[in-house]
Amino acid sequence: MNREIIFLVEEAAEGGYIAQAIGHSIFTQGEDLAGLKLMVKDAVQCRFNENERPHVIRLHQVPAE
């Protein structure tokens, strides 16, 4: 069981934010960081069964170039 999952967060070109999980095929987006956090949590809950779900979700924001 994975105890932690990390998402890379970037600002989207069209506005808002996108997040991609490292090592998993999970992608999501949100209009702002608060919305993105909710979408990430929902995506993790949908992807993993309750007994497989990571206990820690980390967001790593990648600086804009």
N, C-alpha and C. Protein backbone atom coordinates (compact mmCIF):
# COMPACT_ATOMS: atom_id res chain seq x y z
N MET A 1 0.85 -1.18 0.00
CA MET A 1 0.00 0.00 0.00
C MET A 1 0.89 1.24 0.00
N ASN A 2 0.56 2.17 -0.87
CA ASN A 2 1.25 3.46 -0.89
C ASN A 2 0.72 4.32 0.25
N ARG A 3 1.60 4.88 1.02
CA ARG A 3 1.18 5.74 2.11
C ARG A 3 1.10 7.19 1.68
N GLU A 4 1.69 7.50 0.51
CA GLU A 4 1.76 8.88 0.06
C GLU A 4 1.65 8.93 -1.46
N ILE A 5 1.03 9.98 -1.96
CA ILE A 5 0.97 10.23 -3.40
C ILE A 5 1.32 11.70 -3.61
N ILE A 6 2.10 11.96 -4.64
CA ILE A 6 2.55 13.33 -4.92
C ILE A 6 2.02 13.76 -6.27
N PHE A 7 1.50 14.97 -6.32
CA PHE A 7 1.02 15.57 -7.56
C PHE A 7 1.89 16.76 -7.92
N LEU A 8 2.26 16.86 -9.19
CA LEU A 8 2.92 18.06 -9.70
C LEU A 8 1.84 19.01 -10.16
N VAL A 9 1.91 20.25 -9.71
CA VAL A 9 0.90 21.26 -10.00
C VAL A 9 1.52 22.36 -10.85
N GLU A 10 0.83 22.71 -11.94
CA GLU A 10 1.28 23.78 -12.82
C GLU A 10 0.11 24.70 -13.14
N GLU A 11 0.43 25.95 -13.43
CA GLU A 11 -0.60 26.86 -13.92
C GLU A 11 -0.93 26.47 -15.35
N ALA A 12 -2.20 26.41 -15.67
CA ALA A 12 -2.64 26.05 -17.02
C ALA A 12 -2.56 27.29 -17.91
N ALA A 13 -2.22 27.10 -19.18
CA ALA A 13 -2.10 28.20 -20.12
C ALA A 13 -3.41 28.97 -20.26
N GLU A 14 -4.53 28.25 -20.17
CA GLU A 14 -5.84 28.89 -20.33
C GLU A 14 -6.40 29.41 -19.01
N GLY A 15 -5.62 29.31 -17.95
CA GLY A 15 -6.05 29.75 -16.62
C GLY A 15 -6.32 28.58 -15.72
N GLY A 16 -6.24 28.81 -14.43
CA GLY A 16 -6.45 27.75 -13.47
C GLY A 16 -5.19 26.92 -13.28
N TYR A 17 -5.36 25.71 -12.76
CA TYR A 17 -4.23 24.84 -12.45
C TYR A 17 -4.51 23.43 -12.91
N ILE A 18 -3.44 22.71 -13.24
CA ILE A 18 -3.54 21.29 -13.56
C ILE A 18 -2.64 20.52 -12.61
N ALA A 19 -3.01 19.29 -12.32
CA ALA A 19 -2.23 18.44 -11.43
C ALA A 19 -2.10 17.05 -12.03
N GLN A 20 -0.90 16.49 -11.93
CA GLN A 20 -0.61 15.15 -12.44
C GLN A 20 0.09 14.37 -11.35
N ALA A 21 -0.41 13.18 -11.05
CA ALA A 21 0.20 12.33 -10.03
C ALA A 21 1.48 11.71 -10.57
N ILE A 22 2.48 11.62 -9.71
CA ILE A 22 3.73 10.96 -10.07
C ILE A 22 3.55 9.46 -9.86
N GLY A 23 3.77 8.69 -10.92
CA GLY A 23 3.69 7.25 -10.83
C GLY A 23 2.30 6.66 -10.98
N HIS A 24 1.32 7.49 -11.24
CA HIS A 24 -0.06 7.03 -11.43
C HIS A 24 -0.69 7.82 -12.57
N SER A 25 -1.65 7.24 -13.24
CA SER A 25 -2.36 7.93 -14.32
C SER A 25 -3.53 8.71 -13.76
N ILE A 26 -3.22 9.74 -13.01
CA ILE A 26 -4.27 10.58 -12.42
C ILE A 26 -3.96 12.03 -12.82
N PHE A 27 -4.90 12.65 -13.51
CA PHE A 27 -4.80 14.04 -13.92
C PHE A 27 -6.08 14.74 -13.53
N THR A 28 -5.97 15.99 -13.10
CA THR A 28 -7.17 16.77 -12.79
C THR A 28 -6.84 18.24 -12.90
N GLN A 29 -7.85 19.08 -12.81
CA GLN A 29 -7.65 20.53 -12.91
C GLN A 29 -8.64 21.26 -12.03
N GLY A 30 -8.32 22.52 -11.73
CA GLY A 30 -9.20 23.35 -10.93
C GLY A 30 -9.02 24.81 -11.30
N GLU A 31 -10.03 25.62 -11.04
CA GLU A 31 -9.97 27.03 -11.38
C GLU A 31 -9.01 27.81 -10.48
N ASP A 32 -8.85 27.35 -9.24
CA ASP A 32 -7.92 27.97 -8.30
C ASP A 32 -7.33 26.87 -7.43
N LEU A 33 -6.39 27.22 -6.56
CA LEU A 33 -5.72 26.19 -5.77
C LEU A 33 -6.67 25.48 -4.81
N ALA A 34 -7.61 26.21 -4.24
CA ALA A 34 -8.59 25.59 -3.34
C ALA A 34 -9.43 24.56 -4.10
N GLY A 35 -9.88 24.94 -5.30
CA GLY A 35 -10.66 24.02 -6.12
C GLY A 35 -9.84 22.83 -6.58
N LEU A 36 -8.58 23.08 -6.88
CA LEU A 36 -7.69 22.00 -7.31
C LEU A 36 -7.51 20.97 -6.20
N LYS A 37 -7.35 21.44 -4.98
CA LYS A 37 -7.19 20.52 -3.85
C LYS A 37 -8.39 19.60 -3.72
N LEU A 38 -9.58 20.15 -3.88
CA LEU A 38 -10.80 19.33 -3.81
C LEU A 38 -10.83 18.31 -4.95
N MET A 39 -10.44 18.74 -6.14
CA MET A 39 -10.46 17.84 -7.30
C MET A 39 -9.43 16.73 -7.15
N VAL A 40 -8.25 17.05 -6.60
CA VAL A 40 -7.22 16.03 -6.37
C VAL A 40 -7.72 15.00 -5.37
N LYS A 41 -8.29 15.47 -4.28
CA LYS A 41 -8.81 14.55 -3.27
C LYS A 41 -9.87 13.63 -3.86
N ASP A 42 -10.77 14.19 -4.66
CA ASP A 42 -11.82 13.40 -5.30
C ASP A 42 -11.22 12.39 -6.28
N ALA A 43 -10.22 12.80 -7.05
CA ALA A 43 -9.58 11.90 -8.02
C ALA A 43 -8.91 10.73 -7.31
N VAL A 44 -8.25 10.99 -6.20
CA VAL A 44 -7.59 9.92 -5.44
C VAL A 44 -8.64 8.95 -4.88
N GLN A 45 -9.73 9.49 -4.36
CA GLN A 45 -10.78 8.63 -3.81
C GLN A 45 -11.41 7.76 -4.90
N CYS A 46 -11.53 8.30 -6.11
CA CYS A 46 -12.11 7.53 -7.22
C CYS A 46 -11.14 6.47 -7.74
N ARG A 47 -9.86 6.76 -7.71
CA ARG A 47 -8.84 5.87 -8.28
C ARG A 47 -8.52 4.66 -7.40
N PHE A 48 -8.52 4.84 -6.09
CA PHE A 48 -8.10 3.79 -5.17
C PHE A 48 -9.27 3.27 -4.34
N ASN A 49 -9.25 1.96 -4.07
CA ASN A 49 -10.18 1.40 -3.10
C ASN A 49 -9.82 1.95 -1.73
N GLU A 50 -10.76 1.90 -0.82
CA GLU A 50 -10.54 2.47 0.51
C GLU A 50 -9.31 1.88 1.20
N ASN A 51 -9.09 0.58 1.07
CA ASN A 51 -7.95 -0.06 1.75
C ASN A 51 -6.62 0.17 1.02
N GLU A 52 -6.66 0.68 -0.22
CA GLU A 52 -5.45 0.96 -0.99
C GLU A 52 -5.09 2.45 -1.00
N ARG A 53 -6.01 3.29 -0.58
CA ARG A 53 -5.88 4.74 -0.70
C ARG A 53 -4.70 5.28 0.12
N PRO A 54 -3.87 6.13 -0.49
CA PRO A 54 -2.77 6.75 0.26
C PRO A 54 -3.30 7.59 1.41
N HIS A 55 -2.53 7.64 2.49
CA HIS A 55 -2.93 8.43 3.65
C HIS A 55 -2.54 9.90 3.51
N VAL A 56 -1.51 10.15 2.69
CA VAL A 56 -1.00 11.51 2.52
C VAL A 56 -1.05 11.88 1.04
N ILE A 57 -1.59 13.06 0.74
CA ILE A 57 -1.60 13.61 -0.62
C ILE A 57 -0.78 14.89 -0.57
N ARG A 58 0.28 14.94 -1.38
CA ARG A 58 1.13 16.14 -1.42
C ARG A 58 1.01 16.79 -2.79
N LEU A 59 0.95 18.12 -2.77
CA LEU A 59 0.94 18.90 -4.00
C LEU A 59 2.26 19.64 -4.10
N HIS A 60 2.96 19.46 -5.20
CA HIS A 60 4.23 20.16 -5.42
C HIS A 60 4.02 21.11 -6.59
N GLN A 61 4.00 22.41 -6.30
CA GLN A 61 3.76 23.39 -7.34
C GLN A 61 5.04 23.70 -8.09
N VAL A 62 4.97 23.53 -9.41
CA VAL A 62 6.10 23.80 -10.27
C VAL A 62 6.03 25.28 -10.67
N PRO A 63 7.12 26.04 -10.46
CA PRO A 63 7.09 27.47 -10.80
C PRO A 63 6.89 27.68 -12.29
N ALA A 64 6.16 28.73 -12.62
CA ALA A 64 5.96 29.10 -14.03
C ALA A 64 7.26 29.62 -14.61
N GLU A 65 7.48 29.32 -15.87
CA GLU A 65 8.72 29.78 -16.52
C GLU A 65 8.56 31.15 -17.09
